[in-house]
Amino acid sequence: MRTCLVADDSAVIRKVARRIIEGLDFQVVEAEDGAMALDLCRRHMPDVVLLDGGMPVMDGYEFLRHMRHLMGGNRPAVIFCTTENDIAQMARARHIGATGHLVKPFDGEIVTAKFRELGLVA
């Protein structure tokens, strides 16, 4: 089964994302900060990462830089999530290695559309 890492400091966002993504036939693992997410990637590289930009300990940008340098770290699709539609943040995330982006809050329709756009689901 394909896996998705949901890295967000909000338990509510992780719970909503889990429900949506499991409905797309992905196994979901969760991390509440970038350091925890990086540790999970070292153990098992996911197929997709839904990544919050502003987390404690290690933010999404730093996590993404480190993850892309791990063995297999170039493989996962990374959907960078922000709370505002800030073009500079999105450009920075893309430059570091994000595959796509979402603006929070999101719902099942938005996440499913993004997964389709990236070729992750039919």
PDB file of N, CA and C in Angstrom:
ATOM      1  N   MET A   1       0.837  -1.181   0.000  1.00  0.00           N
ATOM      2  CA  MET A   1       0.000   0.000   0.000  1.00  0.00           C
ATOM      3  C   MET A   1       0.884   1.246   0.000  1.00  0.00           C
ATOM      4  N   ARG A   2       0.486   2.251  -0.759  1.00  0.00           N
ATOM      5  CA  ARG A   2       1.237   3.508  -0.791  1.00  0.00           C
ATOM      6  C   ARG A   2       1.062   4.253   0.528  1.00  0.00           C
ATOM      7  N   THR A   3       2.091   5.036   0.871  1.00  0.00           N
ATOM      8  CA  THR A   3       2.057   5.750   2.143  1.00  0.00           C
ATOM      9  C   THR A   3       2.116   7.256   1.932  1.00  0.00           C
ATOM     10  N   CYS A   4       1.478   7.959   2.863  1.00  0.00           N
ATOM     11  CA  CYS A   4       1.517   9.421   2.874  1.00  0.00           C
ATOM     12  C   CYS A   4       1.902   9.869   4.270  1.00  0.00           C
ATOM     13  N   LEU A   5       2.909  10.696   4.356  1.00  0.00           N
ATOM     14  CA  LEU A   5       3.307  11.323   5.607  1.00  0.00           C
ATOM     15  C   LEU A   5       2.593  12.664   5.701  1.00  0.00           C
ATOM     16  N   VAL A   6       1.833  12.858   6.771  1.00  0.00           N
ATOM     17  CA  VAL A   6       1.186  14.136   7.037  1.00  0.00           C
ATOM     18  C   VAL A   6       1.981  14.793   8.159  1.00  0.00           C
ATOM     19  N   ALA A   7       2.682  15.867   7.826  1.00  0.00           N
ATOM     20  CA  ALA A   7       3.520  16.580   8.785  1.00  0.00           C
ATOM     21  C   ALA A   7       2.906  17.949   9.046  1.00  0.00           C
ATOM     22  N   ASP A   8       2.308  18.107  10.219  1.00  0.00           N
ATOM     23  CA  ASP A   8       1.635  19.354  10.589  1.00  0.00           C
ATOM     24  C   ASP A   8       1.566  19.418  12.104  1.00  0.00           C
ATOM     25  N   ASP A   9       1.779  20.589  12.673  1.00  0.00           N
ATOM     26  CA  ASP A   9       1.735  20.718  14.126  1.00  0.00           C
ATOM     27  C   ASP A   9       0.306  20.758  14.667  1.00  0.00           C
ATOM     28  N   SER A  10      -0.692  20.861  13.811  1.00  0.00           N
ATOM     29  CA  SER A  10      -2.086  20.880  14.233  1.00  0.00           C
ATOM     30  C   SER A  10      -2.677  19.468  14.207  1.00  0.00           C
ATOM     31  N   ALA A  11      -3.096  18.999  15.376  1.00  0.00           N
ATOM     32  CA  ALA A  11      -3.723  17.677  15.467  1.00  0.00           C
ATOM     33  C   ALA A  11      -5.007  17.634  14.641  1.00  0.00           C
ATOM     34  N   VAL A  12      -5.723  18.745  14.573  1.00  0.00           N
ATOM     35  CA  VAL A  12      -6.966  18.798  13.794  1.00  0.00           C
ATOM     36  C   VAL A  12      -6.674  18.628  12.308  1.00  0.00           C
ATOM     37  N   ILE A  13      -5.674  19.324  11.800  1.00  0.00           N
ATOM     38  CA  ILE A  13      -5.307  19.202  10.378  1.00  0.00           C
ATOM     39  C   ILE A  13      -4.858  17.775  10.085  1.00  0.00           C
ATOM     40  N   ARG A  14      -4.052  17.193  10.977  1.00  0.00           N
ATOM     41  CA  ARG A  14      -3.605  15.813  10.762  1.00  0.00           C
ATOM     42  C   ARG A  14      -4.785  14.847  10.722  1.00  0.00           C
ATOM     43  N   LYS A  15      -5.755  15.039  11.608  1.00  0.00           N
ATOM     44  CA  LYS A  15      -6.922  14.159  11.654  1.00  0.00           C
ATOM     45  C   LYS A  15      -7.757  14.289  10.381  1.00  0.00           C
ATOM     46  N   VAL A  16      -8.006  15.514   9.937  1.00  0.00           N
ATOM     47  CA  VAL A  16      -8.778  15.741   8.709  1.00  0.00           C
ATOM     48  C   VAL A  16      -8.037  15.159   7.509  1.00  0.00           C
ATOM     49  N   ALA A  17      -6.741  15.437   7.419  1.00  0.00           N
ATOM     50  CA  ALA A  17      -5.941  14.933   6.297  1.00  0.00           C
ATOM     51  C   ALA A  17      -5.927  13.402   6.293  1.00  0.00           C
ATOM     52  N   ARG A  18      -5.768  12.798   7.456  1.00  0.00           N
ATOM     53  CA  ARG A  18      -5.758  11.329   7.552  1.00  0.00           C
ATOM     54  C   ARG A  18      -7.050  10.749   6.988  1.00  0.00           C
ATOM     55  N   ARG A  19      -8.180  11.300   7.407  1.00  0.00           N
ATOM     56  CA  ARG A  19      -9.474  10.784   6.952  1.00  0.00           C
ATOM     57  C   ARG A  19      -9.598  10.881   5.437  1.00  0.00           C
ATOM     58  N   ILE A  20      -9.198  12.001   4.874  1.00  0.00           N
ATOM     59  CA  ILE A  20      -9.289  12.209   3.424  1.00  0.00           C
ATOM     60  C   ILE A  20      -8.340  11.262   2.679  1.00  0.00           C
ATOM     61  N   ILE A  21      -7.085  11.227   3.111  1.00  0.00           N
ATOM     62  CA  ILE A  21      -6.049  10.491   2.378  1.00  0.00           C
ATOM     63  C   ILE A  21      -6.224   8.982   2.513  1.00  0.00           C
ATOM     64  N   GLU A  22      -6.676   8.508   3.671  1.00  0.00           N
ATOM     65  CA  GLU A  22      -6.966   7.083   3.792  1.00  0.00           C
ATOM     66  C   GLU A  22      -8.088   6.692   2.837  1.00  0.00           C
ATOM     67  N   GLY A  23      -9.013   7.611   2.589  1.00  0.00           N
ATOM     68  CA  GLY A  23     -10.078   7.373   1.624  1.00  0.00           C
ATOM     69  C   GLY A  23      -9.583   7.263   0.195  1.00  0.00           C
ATOM     70  N   LEU A  24      -8.348   7.705  -0.044  1.00  0.00           N
ATOM     71  CA  LEU A  24      -7.722   7.600  -1.359  1.00  0.00           C
ATOM     72  C   LEU A  24      -6.817   6.363  -1.442  1.00  0.00           C
ATOM     73  N   ASP A  25      -6.948   5.478  -0.466  1.00  0.00           N
ATOM     74  CA  ASP A  25      -6.204   4.213  -0.396  1.00  0.00           C
ATOM     75  C   ASP A  25      -4.715   4.395  -0.115  1.00  0.00           C
ATOM     76  N   PHE A  26      -4.392   5.308   0.761  1.00  0.00           N
ATOM     77  CA  PHE A  26      -3.026   5.486   1.245  1.00  0.00           C
ATOM     78  C   PHE A  26      -2.998   5.130   2.721  1.00  0.00           C
ATOM     79  N   GLN A  27      -1.898   4.552   3.148  1.00  0.00           N
ATOM     80  CA  GLN A  27      -1.634   4.394   4.572  1.00  0.00           C
ATOM     81  C   GLN A  27      -1.043   5.722   5.024  1.00  0.00           C
ATOM     82  N   VAL A  28      -1.491   6.241   6.153  1.00  0.00           N
ATOM     83  CA  VAL A  28      -1.047   7.552   6.623  1.00  0.00           C
ATOM     84  C   VAL A  28      -0.211   7.406   7.887  1.00  0.00           C
ATOM     85  N   VAL A  29       0.927   8.104   7.908  1.00  0.00           N
ATOM     86  CA  VAL A  29       1.729   8.263   9.116  1.00  0.00           C
ATOM     87  C   VAL A  29       1.769   9.751   9.411  1.00  0.00           C
ATOM     88  N   GLU A  30       1.877  10.094  10.682  1.00  0.00           N
ATOM     89  CA  GLU A  30       1.797  11.491  11.090  1.00  0.00           C
ATOM     90  C   GLU A  30       3.037  11.939  11.842  1.00  0.00           C
ATOM     91  N   ALA A  31       3.337  13.232  11.678  1.00  0.00           N
ATOM     92  CA  ALA A  31       4.409  13.869  12.446  1.00  0.00           C
ATOM     93  C   ALA A  31       3.936  15.259  12.839  1.00  0.00           C
ATOM     94  N   GLU A  32       4.280  15.669  14.051  1.00  0.00           N
ATOM     95  CA  GLU A  32       3.833  16.980  14.520  1.00  0.00           C
ATOM     96  C   GLU A  32       4.891  18.072  14.358  1.00  0.00           C
ATOM     97  N   ASP A  33       6.072  17.689  13.900  1.00  0.00           N
ATOM     98  CA  ASP A  33       7.095  18.690  13.596  1.00  0.00           C
ATOM     99  C   ASP A  33       8.047  18.122  12.543  1.00  0.00           C
ATOM    100  N   GLY A  34       8.875  18.988  11.998  1.00  0.00           N
ATOM    101  CA  GLY A  34       9.761  18.583  10.921  1.00  0.00           C
ATOM    102  C   GLY A  34      10.813  17.570  11.325  1.00  0.00           C
ATOM    103  N   ALA A  35      11.307  17.664  12.556  1.00  0.00           N
ATOM    104  CA  ALA A  35      12.325  16.707  13.015  1.00  0.00           C
ATOM    105  C   ALA A  35      11.735  15.303  13.094  1.00  0.00           C
ATOM    106  N   MET A  36      10.506  15.191  13.612  1.00  0.00           N
ATOM    107  CA  MET A  36       9.838  13.896  13.695  1.00  0.00           C
ATOM    108  C   MET A  36       9.572  13.363  12.286  1.00  0.00           C
ATOM    109  N   ALA A  37       9.167  14.242  11.388  1.00  0.00           N
ATOM    110  CA  ALA A  37       8.895  13.840  10.003  1.00  0.00           C
ATOM    111  C   ALA A  37      10.165  13.318   9.329  1.00  0.00           C
ATOM    112  N   LEU A  38      11.278  14.001   9.556  1.00  0.00           N
ATOM    113  CA  LEU A  38      12.541  13.577   8.960  1.00  0.00           C
ATOM    114  C   LEU A  38      12.955  12.211   9.496  1.00  0.00           C
ATOM    115  N   ASP A  39      12.758  11.989  10.785  1.00  0.00           N
ATOM    116  CA  ASP A  39      13.073  10.695  11.380  1.00  0.00           C
ATOM    117  C   ASP A  39      12.226   9.588  10.742  1.00  0.00           C
ATOM    118  N   LEU A  40      10.951   9.854  10.523  1.00  0.00           N
ATOM    119  CA  LEU A  40      10.079   8.873   9.871  1.00  0.00           C
ATOM    120  C   LEU A  40      10.552   8.576   8.449  1.00  0.00           C
ATOM    121  N   CYS A  41      11.009   9.606   7.738  1.00  0.00           N
ATOM    122  CA  CYS A  41      11.505   9.413   6.368  1.00  0.00           C
ATOM    123  C   CYS A  41      12.790   8.595   6.346  1.00  0.00           C
ATOM    124  N   ARG A  42      13.615   8.753   7.362  1.00  0.00           N
ATOM    125  CA  ARG A  42      14.845   7.954   7.439  1.00  0.00           C
ATOM    126  C   ARG A  42      14.521   6.473   7.601  1.00  0.00           C
ATOM    127  N   ARG A  43      13.430   6.186   8.301  1.00  0.00           N
ATOM    128  CA  ARG A  43      13.031   4.787   8.528  1.00  0.00           C
ATOM    129  C   ARG A  43      12.320   4.200   7.321  1.00  0.00           C
ATOM    130  N   HIS A  44      11.433   4.974   6.712  1.00  0.00           N
ATOM    131  CA  HIS A  44      10.666   4.507   5.551  1.00  0.00           C
ATOM    132  C   HIS A  44      10.221   5.727   4.746  1.00  0.00           C
ATOM    133  N   MET A  45      10.743   5.862   3.537  1.00  0.00           N
ATOM    134  CA  MET A  45      10.406   7.006   2.694  1.00  0.00           C
ATOM    135  C   MET A  45       8.981   6.839   2.171  1.00  0.00           C
ATOM    136  N   PRO A  46       8.112   7.820   2.436  1.00  0.00           N
ATOM    137  CA  PRO A  46       6.733   7.723   1.957  1.00  0.00           C
ATOM    138  C   PRO A  46       6.647   8.017   0.456  1.00  0.00           C
ATOM    139  N   ASP A  47       5.488   7.732  -0.103  1.00  0.00           N
ATOM    140  CA  ASP A  47       5.233   8.042  -1.509  1.00  0.00           C
ATOM    141  C   ASP A  47       4.825   9.508  -1.690  1.00  0.00           C
ATOM    142  N   VAL A  48       4.184  10.053  -0.659  1.00  0.00           N
ATOM    143  CA  VAL A  48       3.689  11.433  -0.691  1.00  0.00           C
ATOM    144  C   VAL A  48       3.906  12.052   0.678  1.00  0.00           C
ATOM    145  N   VAL A  49       4.192  13.354   0.694  1.00  0.00           N
ATOM    146  CA  VAL A  49       4.283  14.101   1.949  1.00  0.00           C
ATOM    147  C   VAL A  49       3.344  15.297   1.832  1.00  0.00           C
ATOM    148  N   LEU A  50       2.420  15.418   2.791  1.00  0.00           N
ATOM    149  CA  LEU A  50       1.590  16.609   2.926  1.00  0.00           C
ATOM    150  C   LEU A  50       2.247  17.410   4.032  1.00  0.00           C
ATOM    151  N   LEU A  51       2.832  18.552   3.690  1.00  0.00           N
ATOM    152  CA  LEU A  51       3.792  19.241   4.555  1.00  0.00           C
ATOM    153  C   LEU A  51       3.357  20.653   4.921  1.00  0.00           C
ATOM    154  N   ASP A  52       3.253  20.898   6.221  1.00  0.00           N
ATOM    155  CA  ASP A  52       2.970  22.236   6.735  1.00  0.00           C
ATOM    156  C   ASP A  52       4.249  23.064   6.680  1.00  0.00           C
ATOM    157  N   GLY A  53       4.128  24.293   6.234  1.00  0.00           N
ATOM    158  CA  GLY A  53       5.296  25.156   6.150  1.00  0.00           C
ATOM    159  C   GLY A  53       5.784  25.647   7.501  1.00  0.00           C
ATOM    160  N   GLY A  54       4.876  25.902   8.434  1.00  0.00           N
ATOM    161  CA  GLY A  54       5.252  26.514   9.707  1.00  0.00           C
ATOM    162  C   GLY A  54       5.075  25.595  10.890  1.00  0.00           C
ATOM    163  N   MET A  55       6.039  24.715  11.108  1.00  0.00           N
ATOM    164  CA  MET A  55       5.992  23.794  12.249  1.00  0.00           C
ATOM    165  C   MET A  55       7.098  24.154  13.237  1.00  0.00           C
ATOM    166  N   PRO A  56       6.937  23.740  14.501  1.00  0.00           N
ATOM    167  CA  PRO A  56       8.009  23.956  15.481  1.00  0.00           C
ATOM    168  C   PRO A  56       9.155  22.966  15.277  1.00  0.00           C
ATOM    169  N   VAL A  57      10.228  23.171  15.982  1.00  0.00           N
ATOM    170  CA  VAL A  57      11.435  22.358  15.991  1.00  0.00           C
ATOM    171  C   VAL A  57      12.177  22.464  14.655  1.00  0.00           C
ATOM    172  N   MET A  58      11.513  22.079  13.563  1.00  0.00           N
ATOM    173  CA  MET A  58      12.077  22.202  12.218  1.00  0.00           C
ATOM    174  C   MET A  58      10.908  22.528  11.294  1.00  0.00           C
ATOM    175  N   ASP A  59      10.967  23.681  10.621  1.00  0.00           N
ATOM    176  CA  ASP A  59       9.843  24.054   9.763  1.00  0.00           C
ATOM    177  C   ASP A  59       9.823  23.238   8.474  1.00  0.00           C
ATOM    178  N   GLY A  60       8.786  23.410   7.691  1.00  0.00           N
ATOM    179  CA  GLY A  60       8.619  22.633   6.469  1.00  0.00           C
ATOM    180  C   GLY A  60       9.717  22.846   5.452  1.00  0.00           C
ATOM    181  N   TYR A  61      10.236  24.064   5.361  1.00  0.00           N
ATOM    182  CA  TYR A  61      11.302  24.356   4.399  1.00  0.00           C
ATOM    183  C   TYR A  61      12.574  23.584   4.749  1.00  0.00           C
ATOM    184  N   GLU A  62      12.945  23.636   6.031  1.00  0.00           N
ATOM    185  CA  GLU A  62      14.156  22.937   6.468  1.00  0.00           C
ATOM    186  C   GLU A  62      13.981  21.427   6.317  1.00  0.00           C
ATOM    187  N   PHE A  63      12.810  20.917   6.712  1.00  0.00           N
ATOM    188  CA  PHE A  63      12.536  19.489   6.541  1.00  0.00           C
ATOM    189  C   PHE A  63      12.711  19.091   5.084  1.00  0.00           C
ATOM    190  N   LEU A  64      12.122  19.863   4.173  1.00  0.00           N
ATOM    191  CA  LEU A  64      12.153  19.525   2.755  1.00  0.00           C
ATOM    192  C   LEU A  64      13.586  19.502   2.221  1.00  0.00           C
ATOM    193  N   ARG A  65      14.395  20.486   2.614  1.00  0.00           N
ATOM    194  CA  ARG A  65      15.804  20.503   2.194  1.00  0.00           C
ATOM    195  C   ARG A  65      16.517  19.227   2.642  1.00  0.00           C
ATOM    196  N   HIS A  66      16.313  18.854   3.893  1.00  0.00           N
ATOM    197  CA  HIS A  66      16.970  17.653   4.427  1.00  0.00           C
ATOM    198  C   HIS A  66      16.422  16.376   3.789  1.00  0.00           C
ATOM    199  N   MET A  67      15.108  16.286   3.649  1.00  0.00           N
ATOM    200  CA  MET A  67      14.502  15.076   3.098  1.00  0.00           C
ATOM    201  C   MET A  67      14.969  14.816   1.676  1.00  0.00           C
ATOM    202  N   ARG A  68      15.067  15.849   0.864  1.00  0.00           N
ATOM    203  CA  ARG A  68      15.473  15.671  -0.530  1.00  0.00           C
ATOM    204  C   ARG A  68      16.910  15.139  -0.642  1.00  0.00           C
ATOM    205  N   HIS A  69      17.713  15.257   0.415  1.00  0.00           N
ATOM    206  CA  HIS A  69      19.074  14.744   0.392  1.00  0.00           C
ATOM    207  C   HIS A  69      19.205  13.325   0.962  1.00  0.00           C
ATOM    208  N   LEU A  70      18.114  12.789   1.492  1.00  0.00           N
ATOM    209  CA  LEU A  70      18.154  11.413   1.995  1.00  0.00           C
ATOM    210  C   LEU A  70      18.100  10.432   0.829  1.00  0.00           C
ATOM    211  N   MET A  71      18.561   9.209   1.053  1.00  0.00           N
ATOM    212  CA  MET A  71      18.439   8.185   0.020  1.00  0.00           C
ATOM    213  C   MET A  71      16.953   7.976  -0.275  1.00  0.00           C
ATOM    214  N   GLY A  72      16.575   8.110  -1.527  1.00  0.00           N
ATOM    215  CA  GLY A  72      15.176   7.992  -1.933  1.00  0.00           C
ATOM    216  C   GLY A  72      14.367   9.251  -1.729  1.00  0.00           C
ATOM    217  N   GLY A  73      14.990  10.281  -1.208  1.00  0.00           N
ATOM    218  CA  GLY A  73      14.283  11.527  -0.901  1.00  0.00           C
ATOM    219  C   GLY A  73      13.851  12.323  -2.113  1.00  0.00           C
ATOM    220  N   ASN A  74      14.353  11.951  -3.287  1.00  0.00           N
ATOM    221  CA  ASN A  74      13.934  12.646  -4.504  1.00  0.00           C
ATOM    222  C   ASN A  74      12.636  12.058  -5.054  1.00  0.00           C
ATOM    223  N   ARG A  75      12.190  10.936  -4.506  1.00  0.00           N
ATOM    224  CA  ARG A  75      11.026  10.228  -5.032  1.00  0.00           C
ATOM    225  C   ARG A  75       9.663  10.776  -4.589  1.00  0.00           C
ATOM    226  N   PRO A  76       9.447  11.091  -3.317  1.00  0.00           N
ATOM    227  CA  PRO A  76       8.089  11.458  -2.900  1.00  0.00           C
ATOM    228  C   PRO A  76       7.589  12.759  -3.529  1.00  0.00           C
ATOM    229  N   ALA A  77       6.302  12.761  -3.835  1.00  0.00           N
ATOM    230  CA  ALA A  77       5.629  14.015  -4.170  1.00  0.00           C
ATOM    231  C   ALA A  77       5.464  14.762  -2.849  1.00  0.00           C
ATOM    232  N   VAL A  78       5.724  16.060  -2.854  1.00  0.00           N
ATOM    233  CA  VAL A  78       5.589  16.861  -1.642  1.00  0.00           C
ATOM    234  C   VAL A  78       4.601  17.983  -1.912  1.00  0.00           C
ATOM    235  N   ILE A  79       3.509  17.959  -1.152  1.00  0.00           N
ATOM    236  CA  ILE A  79       2.479  18.994  -1.270  1.00  0.00           C
ATOM    237  C   ILE A  79       2.655  19.920  -0.082  1.00  0.00           C
ATOM    238  N   PHE A  80       3.104  21.130  -0.362  1.00  0.00           N
ATOM    239  CA  PHE A  80       3.423  22.118   0.664  1.00  0.00           C
ATOM    240  C   PHE A  80       2.155  22.877   1.028  1.00  0.00           C
ATOM    241  N   CYS A  81       1.847  22.953   2.315  1.00  0.00           N
ATOM    242  CA  CYS A  81       0.611  23.603   2.781  1.00  0.00           C
ATOM    243  C   CYS A  81       0.922  24.886   3.546  1.00  0.00           C
ATOM    244  N   THR A  82       0.199  25.937   3.191  1.00  0.00           N
ATOM    245  CA  THR A  82       0.327  27.213   3.884  1.00  0.00           C
ATOM    246  C   THR A  82      -1.062  27.719   4.257  1.00  0.00           C
ATOM    247  N   THR A  83      -1.107  28.709   5.136  1.00  0.00           N
ATOM    248  CA  THR A  83      -2.402  29.262   5.545  1.00  0.00           C
ATOM    249  C   THR A  83      -2.824  30.442   4.683  1.00  0.00           C
ATOM    250  N   GLU A  84      -1.938  30.903   3.832  1.00  0.00           N
ATOM    251  CA  GLU A  84      -2.298  31.977   2.918  1.00  0.00           C
ATOM    252  C   GLU A  84      -1.735  31.700   1.538  1.00  0.00           C
ATOM    253  N   ASN A  85      -2.354  32.293   0.560  1.00  0.00           N
ATOM    254  CA  ASN A  85      -1.956  32.094  -0.828  1.00  0.00           C
ATOM    255  C   ASN A  85      -0.808  33.059  -1.160  1.00  0.00           C
ATOM    256  N   ASP A  86       0.342  32.828  -0.547  1.00  0.00           N
ATOM    257  CA  ASP A  86       1.505  33.698  -0.689  1.00  0.00           C
ATOM    258  C   ASP A  86       2.418  33.154  -1.786  1.00  0.00           C
ATOM    259  N   ILE A  87       2.515  33.873  -2.889  1.00  0.00           N
ATOM    260  CA  ILE A  87       3.292  33.422  -4.045  1.00  0.00           C
ATOM    261  C   ILE A  87       4.767  33.260  -3.694  1.00  0.00           C
ATOM    262  N   ALA A  88       5.306  34.126  -2.852  1.00  0.00           N
ATOM    263  CA  ALA A  88       6.717  34.019  -2.467  1.00  0.00           C
ATOM    264  C   ALA A  88       6.974  32.730  -1.691  1.00  0.00           C
ATOM    265  N   GLN A  89       6.060  32.371  -0.774  1.00  0.00           N
ATOM    266  CA  GLN A  89       6.213  31.117  -0.015  1.00  0.00           C
ATOM    267  C   GLN A  89       6.149  29.916  -0.947  1.00  0.00           C
ATOM    268  N   MET A  90       5.204  29.948  -1.880  1.00  0.00           N
ATOM    269  CA  MET A  90       5.055  28.832  -2.817  1.00  0.00           C
ATOM    270  C   MET A  90       6.286  28.701  -3.703  1.00  0.00           C
ATOM    271  N   ALA A  91       6.809  29.818  -4.180  1.00  0.00           N
ATOM    272  CA  ALA A  91       7.998  29.791  -5.033  1.00  0.00           C
ATOM    273  C   ALA A  91       9.203  29.255  -4.247  1.00  0.00           C
ATOM    274  N   ARG A  92       9.333  29.681  -3.011  1.00  0.00           N
ATOM    275  CA  ARG A  92      10.428  29.193  -2.171  1.00  0.00           C
ATOM    276  C   ARG A  92      10.324  27.683  -1.977  1.00  0.00           C
ATOM    277  N   ALA A  93       9.112  27.201  -1.688  1.00  0.00           N
ATOM    278  CA  ALA A  93       8.903  25.769  -1.487  1.00  0.00           C
ATOM    279  C   ALA A  93       9.200  24.987  -2.767  1.00  0.00           C
ATOM    280  N   ARG A  94       8.781  25.495  -3.893  1.00  0.00           N
ATOM    281  CA  ARG A  94       9.050  24.820  -5.179  1.00  0.00           C
ATOM    282  C   ARG A  94      10.548  24.776  -5.453  1.00  0.00           C
ATOM    283  N   HIS A  95      11.237  25.874  -5.159  1.00  0.00           N
ATOM    284  CA  HIS A  95      12.689  25.947  -5.378  1.00  0.00           C
ATOM    285  C   HIS A  95      13.420  24.880  -4.548  1.00  0.00           C
ATOM    286  N   ILE A  96      12.928  24.636  -3.347  1.00  0.00           N
ATOM    287  CA  ILE A  96      13.548  23.660  -2.454  1.00  0.00           C
ATOM    288  C   ILE A  96      13.186  22.233  -2.864  1.00  0.00           C
ATOM    289  N   GLY A  97      12.050  22.053  -3.542  1.00  0.00           N
ATOM    290  CA  GLY A  97      11.704  20.702  -3.979  1.00  0.00           C
ATOM    291  C   GLY A  97      10.259  20.295  -3.814  1.00  0.00           C
ATOM    292  N   ALA A  98       9.355  21.237  -3.481  1.00  0.00           N
ATOM    293  CA  ALA A  98       7.939  20.889  -3.388  1.00  0.00           C
ATOM    294  C   ALA A  98       7.392  20.585  -4.780  1.00  0.00           C
ATOM    295  N   THR A  99       6.479  19.658  -4.836  1.00  0.00           N
ATOM    296  CA  THR A  99       5.858  19.251  -6.087  1.00  0.00           C
ATOM    297  C   THR A  99       4.604  20.075  -6.370  1.00  0.00           C
ATOM    298  N   GLY A 100       3.903  20.432  -5.315  1.00  0.00           N
ATOM    299  CA  GLY A 100       2.669  21.198  -5.429  1.00  0.00           C
ATOM    300  C   GLY A 100       2.388  21.913  -4.119  1.00  0.00           C
ATOM    301  N   HIS A 101       1.266  22.606  -4.066  1.00  0.00           N
ATOM    302  CA  HIS A 101       0.915  23.311  -2.836  1.00  0.00           C
ATOM    303  C   HIS A 101      -0.594  23.307  -2.626  1.00  0.00           C
ATOM    304  N   LEU A 102      -0.979  23.498  -1.375  1.00  0.00           N
ATOM    305  CA  LEU A 102      -2.375  23.655  -0.975  1.00  0.00           C
ATOM    306  C   LEU A 102      -2.449  24.791   0.023  1.00  0.00           C
ATOM    307  N   VAL A 103      -3.582  25.470   0.022  1.00  0.00           N
ATOM    308  CA  VAL A 103      -3.841  26.500   1.019  1.00  0.00           C
ATOM    309  C   VAL A 103      -4.799  25.911   2.048  1.00  0.00           C
ATOM    310  N   LYS A 104      -4.475  26.065   3.322  1.00  0.00           N
ATOM    311  CA  LYS A 104      -5.340  25.588   4.407  1.00  0.00           C
ATOM    312  C   LYS A 104      -6.356  26.669   4.745  1.00  0.00           C
ATOM    313  N   PRO A 105      -7.551  26.315   5.155  1.00  0.00           N
ATOM    314  CA  PRO A 105      -8.033  24.948   5.340  1.00  0.00           C
ATOM    315  C   PRO A 105      -8.388  24.312   3.999  1.00  0.00           C
ATOM    316  N   PHE A 106      -8.290  22.985   3.954  1.00  0.00           N
ATOM    317  CA  PHE A 106      -8.641  22.253   2.742  1.00  0.00           C
ATOM    318  C   PHE A 106      -9.710  21.223   3.082  1.00  0.00           C
ATOM    319  N   ASP A 107     -10.331  20.684   2.046  1.00  0.00           N
ATOM    320  CA  ASP A 107     -11.340  19.643   2.248  1.00  0.00           C
ATOM    321  C   ASP A 107     -11.027  18.468   1.318  1.00  0.00           C
ATOM    322  N   GLY A 108     -11.861  17.457   1.365  1.00  0.00           N
ATOM    323  CA  GLY A 108     -11.627  16.249   0.580  1.00  0.00           C
ATOM    324  C   GLY A 108     -11.569  16.505  -0.911  1.00  0.00           C
ATOM    325  N   GLU A 109     -12.421  17.387  -1.387  1.00  0.00           N
ATOM    326  CA  GLU A 109     -12.451  17.693  -2.817  1.00  0.00           C
ATOM    327  C   GLU A 109     -11.143  18.339  -3.268  1.00  0.00           C
ATOM    328  N   ILE A 110     -10.640  19.254  -2.475  1.00  0.00           N
ATOM    329  CA  ILE A 110      -9.398  19.960  -2.815  1.00  0.00           C
ATOM    330  C   ILE A 110      -8.198  19.008  -2.783  1.00  0.00           C
ATOM    331  N   VAL A 111      -8.112  18.190  -1.744  1.00  0.00           N
ATOM    332  CA  VAL A 111      -6.992  17.250  -1.625  1.00  0.00           C
ATOM    333  C   VAL A 111      -7.047  16.218  -2.750  1.00  0.00           C
ATOM    334  N   THR A 112      -8.226  15.695  -3.024  1.00  0.00           N
ATOM    335  CA  THR A 112      -8.377  14.709  -4.101  1.00  0.00           C
ATOM    336  C   THR A 112      -7.971  15.313  -5.441  1.00  0.00           C
ATOM    337  N   ALA A 113      -8.389  16.549  -5.687  1.00  0.00           N
ATOM    338  CA  ALA A 113      -8.022  17.221  -6.941  1.00  0.00           C
ATOM    339  C   ALA A 113      -6.505  17.386  -7.042  1.00  0.00           C
ATOM    340  N   LYS A 114      -5.856  17.729  -5.958  1.00  0.00           N
ATOM    341  CA  LYS A 114      -4.398  17.894  -5.968  1.00  0.00           C
ATOM    342  C   LYS A 114      -3.706  16.553  -6.210  1.00  0.00           C
ATOM    343  N   PHE A 115      -4.177  15.497  -5.557  1.00  0.00           N
ATOM    344  CA  PHE A 115      -3.603  14.171  -5.772  1.00  0.00           C
ATOM    345  C   PHE A 115      -3.789  13.748  -7.233  1.00  0.00           C
ATOM    346  N   ARG A 116      -4.928  14.075  -7.816  1.00  0.00           N
ATOM    347  CA  ARG A 116      -5.159  13.750  -9.246  1.00  0.00           C
ATOM    348  C   ARG A 116      -4.222  14.553 -10.130  1.00  0.00           C
ATOM    349  N   GLU A 117      -4.110  15.834  -9.850  1.00  0.00           N
ATOM    350  CA  GLU A 117      -3.238  16.716 -10.636  1.00  0.00           C
ATOM    351  C   GLU A 117      -1.811  16.193 -10.657  1.00  0.00           C
ATOM    352  N   LEU A 118      -1.365  15.642  -9.556  1.00  0.00           N
ATOM    353  CA  LEU A 118       0.003  15.143  -9.445  1.00  0.00           C
ATOM    354  C   LEU A 118       0.127  13.678  -9.899  1.00  0.00           C
ATOM    355  N   GLY A 119      -0.959  13.102 -10.370  1.00  0.00           N
ATOM    356  CA  GLY A 119      -0.929  11.727 -10.857  1.00  0.00           C
ATOM    357  C   GLY A 119      -0.846  10.680  -9.769  1.00  0.00           C
ATOM    358  N   LEU A 120      -1.264  11.033  -8.552  1.00  0.00           N
ATOM    359  CA  LEU A 120      -1.182  10.116  -7.418  1.00  0.00           C
ATOM    360  C   LEU A 120      -2.403   9.213  -7.324  1.00  0.00           C
ATOM    361  N   VAL A 121      -3.532   9.653  -7.855  1.00  0.00           N
ATOM    362  CA  VAL A 121      -4.755   8.856  -7.926  1.00  0.00           C
ATOM    363  C   VAL A 121      -5.396   9.076  -9.293  1.00  0.00           C
ATOM    364  N   ALA A 122      -6.232   8.122  -9.672  1.00  0.00           N
ATOM    365  CA  ALA A 122      -6.909   8.210 -10.975  1.00  0.00           C
ATOM    366  C   ALA A 122      -8.112   9.128 -10.905  1.00  0.00           C
TER     367      ALA A 122
END
